[in-house]
Each structure stands twice: as structure tokens, then as C-alpha cells.
Amino acid sequence: MDALEFDRKISEMSADEAGTNSELIEKVKCTMAKVIKNELTPRQREIIVLYYYKGFGVSEIAGKLDLAPSTVSRTIKRARDRIYKFLKYYYL
């Protein structure tokens, strides 16, 4: 199952399964924060925070952390895959 299927499956959940959309969103946010905190490596965590929460670009992160841009891109992809794996486990 890829990310698009995951999004579709989440959006198709009935009110009985998910409560309200805002409740589901809060549950996913809470789970995502736990996954980022507990399941990612320190490098993955740092790069994900810089990329998604602070809005840095790949080249900015690479310069700040003295890494190659390709390393930053690969790390983002691996971290996203790991987050997705755990979200899929909890919600599907």
C-alpha cells in the first residue's frame, strides 16, 4: 500500500471508526510525534524537524549539517518511509 492508498483509506473511514475528522487528525499528529521522537535515528529526526517543521530546503539543511544534498534527500525519504510504516500499523 502506498501513501496515496493510505490517504484514501483514512478519508474513507466512517464516523464510527474515526469519531470526527478533527479527532482522527489529532490522533495521527500525536502518533506521528511519538514515531518521530522514538523510532527515527537522531539524524533522521533532526533532518525531518528542519525540513517539515522549520521549512528549510534540502540544500539549506545540507549546508547547515555539512552533508551532501543527496544524503539529506535519502534521509528524508527513509524517515518518511519509517513514519509511514508505523502510521500504517496503527491506523490500518
N, C-alpha and C. Protein backbone atom coordinates (compact mmCIF):
# COMPACT_ATOMS: atom_id res chain seq x y z
N MET A 1 0.86 -1.18 0.00
CA MET A 1 0.00 0.00 0.00
C MET A 1 0.90 1.23 0.00
N ASP A 2 0.64 2.14 -0.92
CA ASP A 2 1.46 3.35 -0.97
C ASP A 2 0.77 4.49 -0.24
N ALA A 3 1.43 5.65 -0.22
CA ALA A 3 0.91 6.78 0.54
C ALA A 3 -0.45 7.25 0.03
N LEU A 4 -0.69 7.20 -1.29
CA LEU A 4 -1.99 7.63 -1.82
C LEU A 4 -3.11 6.70 -1.36
N GLU A 5 -2.84 5.40 -1.37
CA GLU A 5 -3.83 4.46 -0.88
C GLU A 5 -4.11 4.68 0.60
N PHE A 6 -3.05 4.96 1.36
CA PHE A 6 -3.19 5.24 2.79
C PHE A 6 -4.10 6.44 3.00
N ASP A 7 -3.83 7.54 2.25
CA ASP A 7 -4.65 8.75 2.36
C ASP A 7 -6.11 8.44 2.01
N ARG A 8 -6.33 7.66 0.96
CA ARG A 8 -7.68 7.32 0.55
C ARG A 8 -8.38 6.50 1.63
N LYS A 9 -7.67 5.53 2.18
CA LYS A 9 -8.25 4.67 3.21
C LYS A 9 -8.63 5.48 4.46
N ILE A 10 -7.75 6.39 4.86
CA ILE A 10 -8.04 7.25 6.02
C ILE A 10 -9.29 8.10 5.74
N SER A 11 -9.38 8.67 4.53
CA SER A 11 -10.51 9.54 4.23
C SER A 11 -11.82 8.77 4.12
N GLU A 12 -11.75 7.47 3.85
CA GLU A 12 -12.96 6.65 3.74
C GLU A 12 -13.46 6.10 5.06
N MET A 13 -12.70 6.30 6.12
CA MET A 13 -13.13 5.76 7.41
C MET A 13 -14.46 6.38 7.81
N SER A 14 -15.34 5.56 8.34
CA SER A 14 -16.65 6.05 8.74
C SER A 14 -16.55 6.83 10.04
N ALA A 15 -17.60 7.56 10.34
CA ALA A 15 -17.64 8.35 11.57
C ALA A 15 -17.52 7.45 12.80
N ASP A 16 -18.06 6.25 12.73
CA ASP A 16 -17.96 5.32 13.85
C ASP A 16 -16.51 4.91 14.11
N GLU A 17 -15.74 4.71 13.05
CA GLU A 17 -14.36 4.27 13.20
C GLU A 17 -13.46 5.41 13.66
N ALA A 18 -13.71 6.60 13.19
CA ALA A 18 -12.77 7.70 13.42
C ALA A 18 -13.27 8.76 14.37
N GLY A 19 -14.52 8.68 14.81
CA GLY A 19 -15.06 9.79 15.61
C GLY A 19 -15.32 10.93 14.65
N THR A 20 -14.68 12.03 14.86
CA THR A 20 -14.76 13.13 13.91
C THR A 20 -13.42 13.28 13.22
N ASN A 21 -13.39 14.01 12.14
CA ASN A 21 -12.14 14.22 11.43
C ASN A 21 -11.10 14.89 12.32
N SER A 22 -11.54 15.83 13.12
CA SER A 22 -10.57 16.52 13.97
C SER A 22 -9.97 15.58 15.01
N GLU A 23 -10.77 14.65 15.51
CA GLU A 23 -10.24 13.66 16.45
C GLU A 23 -9.21 12.76 15.78
N LEU A 24 -9.52 12.33 14.56
CA LEU A 24 -8.59 11.49 13.81
C LEU A 24 -7.30 12.23 13.52
N ILE A 25 -7.41 13.47 13.12
CA ILE A 25 -6.22 14.28 12.83
C ILE A 25 -5.37 14.41 14.08
N GLU A 26 -5.98 14.66 15.22
CA GLU A 26 -5.23 14.78 16.46
C GLU A 26 -4.54 13.47 16.83
N LYS A 27 -5.24 12.34 16.62
CA LYS A 27 -4.64 11.04 16.91
C LYS A 27 -3.42 10.80 16.02
N VAL A 28 -3.56 11.11 14.73
CA VAL A 28 -2.46 10.90 13.79
C VAL A 28 -1.29 11.81 14.15
N LYS A 29 -1.57 13.08 14.47
CA LYS A 29 -0.50 14.01 14.86
C LYS A 29 0.24 13.51 16.10
N CYS A 30 -0.50 13.05 17.08
CA CYS A 30 0.10 12.54 18.31
C CYS A 30 0.96 11.31 18.02
N THR A 31 0.44 10.40 17.23
CA THR A 31 1.19 9.20 16.88
C THR A 31 2.43 9.56 16.07
N MET A 32 2.28 10.50 15.14
CA MET A 32 3.41 10.91 14.32
C MET A 32 4.51 11.52 15.19
N ALA A 33 4.14 12.33 16.15
CA ALA A 33 5.13 12.93 17.05
C ALA A 33 5.86 11.84 17.84
N LYS A 34 5.12 10.84 18.30
CA LYS A 34 5.73 9.74 19.03
C LYS A 34 6.70 8.95 18.15
N VAL A 35 6.28 8.71 16.91
CA VAL A 35 7.14 7.97 15.97
C VAL A 35 8.42 8.77 15.69
N ILE A 36 8.27 10.06 15.45
CA ILE A 36 9.44 10.89 15.18
C ILE A 36 10.37 10.89 16.38
N LYS A 37 9.81 10.97 17.56
CA LYS A 37 10.63 11.02 18.77
C LYS A 37 11.29 9.68 19.09
N ASN A 38 10.56 8.59 18.94
CA ASN A 38 11.02 7.29 19.42
C ASN A 38 11.57 6.34 18.36
N GLU A 39 11.18 6.49 17.12
CA GLU A 39 11.51 5.48 16.12
C GLU A 39 12.52 5.93 15.07
N LEU A 40 12.80 7.22 14.98
CA LEU A 40 13.77 7.70 13.99
C LEU A 40 15.15 7.81 14.63
N THR A 41 16.16 7.70 13.78
CA THR A 41 17.52 7.92 14.28
C THR A 41 17.68 9.40 14.60
N PRO A 42 18.68 9.75 15.39
CA PRO A 42 18.89 11.18 15.68
C PRO A 42 19.07 12.03 14.42
N ARG A 43 19.80 11.52 13.44
CA ARG A 43 19.99 12.27 12.19
C ARG A 43 18.67 12.44 11.46
N GLN A 44 17.90 11.35 11.34
CA GLN A 44 16.60 11.43 10.68
C GLN A 44 15.70 12.44 11.39
N ARG A 45 15.67 12.37 12.70
CA ARG A 45 14.84 13.28 13.49
C ARG A 45 15.22 14.73 13.23
N GLU A 46 16.51 15.01 13.28
CA GLU A 46 16.98 16.39 13.08
C GLU A 46 16.61 16.90 11.69
N ILE A 47 16.83 16.08 10.67
CA ILE A 47 16.54 16.49 9.30
C ILE A 47 15.04 16.66 9.09
N ILE A 48 14.22 15.76 9.62
CA ILE A 48 12.76 15.88 9.48
C ILE A 48 12.26 17.16 10.15
N VAL A 49 12.77 17.46 11.32
CA VAL A 49 12.35 18.69 12.02
C VAL A 49 12.74 19.91 11.20
N LEU A 50 13.97 19.94 10.70
CA LEU A 50 14.40 21.08 9.90
C LEU A 50 13.58 21.21 8.61
N TYR A 51 13.30 20.09 7.97
CA TYR A 51 12.61 20.11 6.68
C TYR A 51 11.13 20.43 6.81
N TYR A 52 10.43 19.70 7.67
CA TYR A 52 8.97 19.86 7.75
C TYR A 52 8.51 20.91 8.75
N TYR A 53 9.17 21.02 9.86
CA TYR A 53 8.69 21.92 10.91
C TYR A 53 9.30 23.31 10.84
N LYS A 54 10.53 23.40 10.33
CA LYS A 54 11.18 24.71 10.25
C LYS A 54 11.24 25.25 8.83
N GLY A 55 10.87 24.43 7.85
CA GLY A 55 10.75 24.89 6.48
C GLY A 55 12.06 25.06 5.71
N PHE A 56 13.12 24.43 6.17
CA PHE A 56 14.39 24.51 5.45
C PHE A 56 14.32 23.66 4.19
N GLY A 57 15.05 24.07 3.16
CA GLY A 57 15.16 23.27 1.95
C GLY A 57 16.29 22.26 2.10
N VAL A 58 16.35 21.33 1.15
CA VAL A 58 17.38 20.28 1.19
C VAL A 58 18.77 20.89 1.17
N SER A 59 19.01 21.86 0.30
CA SER A 59 20.35 22.46 0.22
C SER A 59 20.69 23.25 1.48
N GLU A 60 19.69 23.89 2.09
CA GLU A 60 19.94 24.61 3.35
C GLU A 60 20.32 23.64 4.47
N ILE A 61 19.61 22.53 4.54
CA ILE A 61 19.91 21.52 5.56
C ILE A 61 21.30 20.94 5.32
N ALA A 62 21.60 20.66 4.06
CA ALA A 62 22.91 20.10 3.72
C ALA A 62 24.03 21.06 4.16
N GLY A 63 23.86 22.34 3.91
CA GLY A 63 24.86 23.31 4.32
C GLY A 63 24.97 23.44 5.82
N LYS A 64 23.83 23.44 6.48
CA LYS A 64 23.80 23.59 7.95
C LYS A 64 24.44 22.40 8.65
N LEU A 65 24.22 21.18 8.13
CA LEU A 65 24.71 19.98 8.79
C LEU A 65 25.98 19.43 8.15
N ASP A 66 26.49 20.13 7.16
CA ASP A 66 27.70 19.72 6.45
C ASP A 66 27.55 18.32 5.85
N LEU A 67 26.45 18.13 5.12
CA LEU A 67 26.16 16.87 4.44
C LEU A 67 25.94 17.15 2.96
N ALA A 68 26.03 16.12 2.16
CA ALA A 68 25.70 16.25 0.74
C ALA A 68 24.19 16.34 0.59
N PRO A 69 23.70 17.15 -0.37
CA PRO A 69 22.24 17.23 -0.58
C PRO A 69 21.61 15.86 -0.84
N SER A 70 22.32 14.97 -1.53
CA SER A 70 21.76 13.64 -1.80
C SER A 70 21.58 12.85 -0.50
N THR A 71 22.48 13.05 0.46
CA THR A 71 22.35 12.39 1.76
C THR A 71 21.11 12.89 2.49
N VAL A 72 20.88 14.19 2.43
CA VAL A 72 19.70 14.78 3.06
C VAL A 72 18.43 14.23 2.42
N SER A 73 18.40 14.18 1.09
CA SER A 73 17.22 13.67 0.38
C SER A 73 16.95 12.21 0.74
N ARG A 74 17.99 11.39 0.74
CA ARG A 74 17.82 9.97 1.10
C ARG A 74 17.34 9.82 2.54
N THR A 75 17.88 10.64 3.43
CA THR A 75 17.48 10.57 4.83
C THR A 75 16.01 10.95 5.00
N ILE A 76 15.57 11.97 4.29
CA ILE A 76 14.15 12.37 4.34
C ILE A 76 13.28 11.23 3.84
N LYS A 77 13.66 10.61 2.73
CA LYS A 77 12.87 9.51 2.18
C LYS A 77 12.80 8.34 3.15
N ARG A 78 13.93 7.97 3.72
CA ARG A 78 13.94 6.84 4.65
C ARG A 78 13.13 7.15 5.91
N ALA A 79 13.23 8.36 6.39
CA ALA A 79 12.45 8.75 7.57
C ALA A 79 10.95 8.74 7.26
N ARG A 80 10.58 9.27 6.10
CA ARG A 80 9.15 9.24 5.71
C ARG A 80 8.64 7.82 5.59
N ASP A 81 9.46 6.94 4.99
CA ASP A 81 9.06 5.54 4.87
C ASP A 81 8.85 4.90 6.24
N ARG A 82 9.72 5.22 7.16
CA ARG A 82 9.62 4.67 8.52
C ARG A 82 8.39 5.22 9.24
N ILE A 83 8.14 6.51 9.10
CA ILE A 83 6.94 7.11 9.71
C ILE A 83 5.69 6.48 9.12
N TYR A 84 5.66 6.34 7.80
CA TYR A 84 4.52 5.74 7.12
C TYR A 84 4.27 4.32 7.62
N LYS A 85 5.35 3.56 7.77
CA LYS A 85 5.23 2.17 8.24
C LYS A 85 4.54 2.12 9.60
N PHE A 86 4.91 3.00 10.50
CA PHE A 86 4.31 2.99 11.83
C PHE A 86 2.88 3.53 11.80
N LEU A 87 2.61 4.57 11.02
CA LEU A 87 1.24 5.08 10.92
C LEU A 87 0.33 4.02 10.31
N LYS A 88 0.81 3.32 9.31
CA LYS A 88 0.02 2.26 8.69
C LYS A 88 -0.30 1.19 9.71
N TYR A 89 0.67 0.84 10.54
CA TYR A 89 0.47 -0.18 11.57
C TYR A 89 -0.62 0.25 12.55
N TYR A 90 -0.61 1.51 12.96
CA TYR A 90 -1.56 1.99 13.96
C TYR A 90 -2.96 2.23 13.41
N TYR A 91 -3.07 2.61 12.13
CA TYR A 91 -4.36 3.09 11.63
C TYR A 91 -4.98 2.23 10.54
N LEU A 92 -4.33 1.18 10.10
CA LEU A 92 -4.97 0.36 9.07
C LEU A 92 -5.10 -1.08 9.51
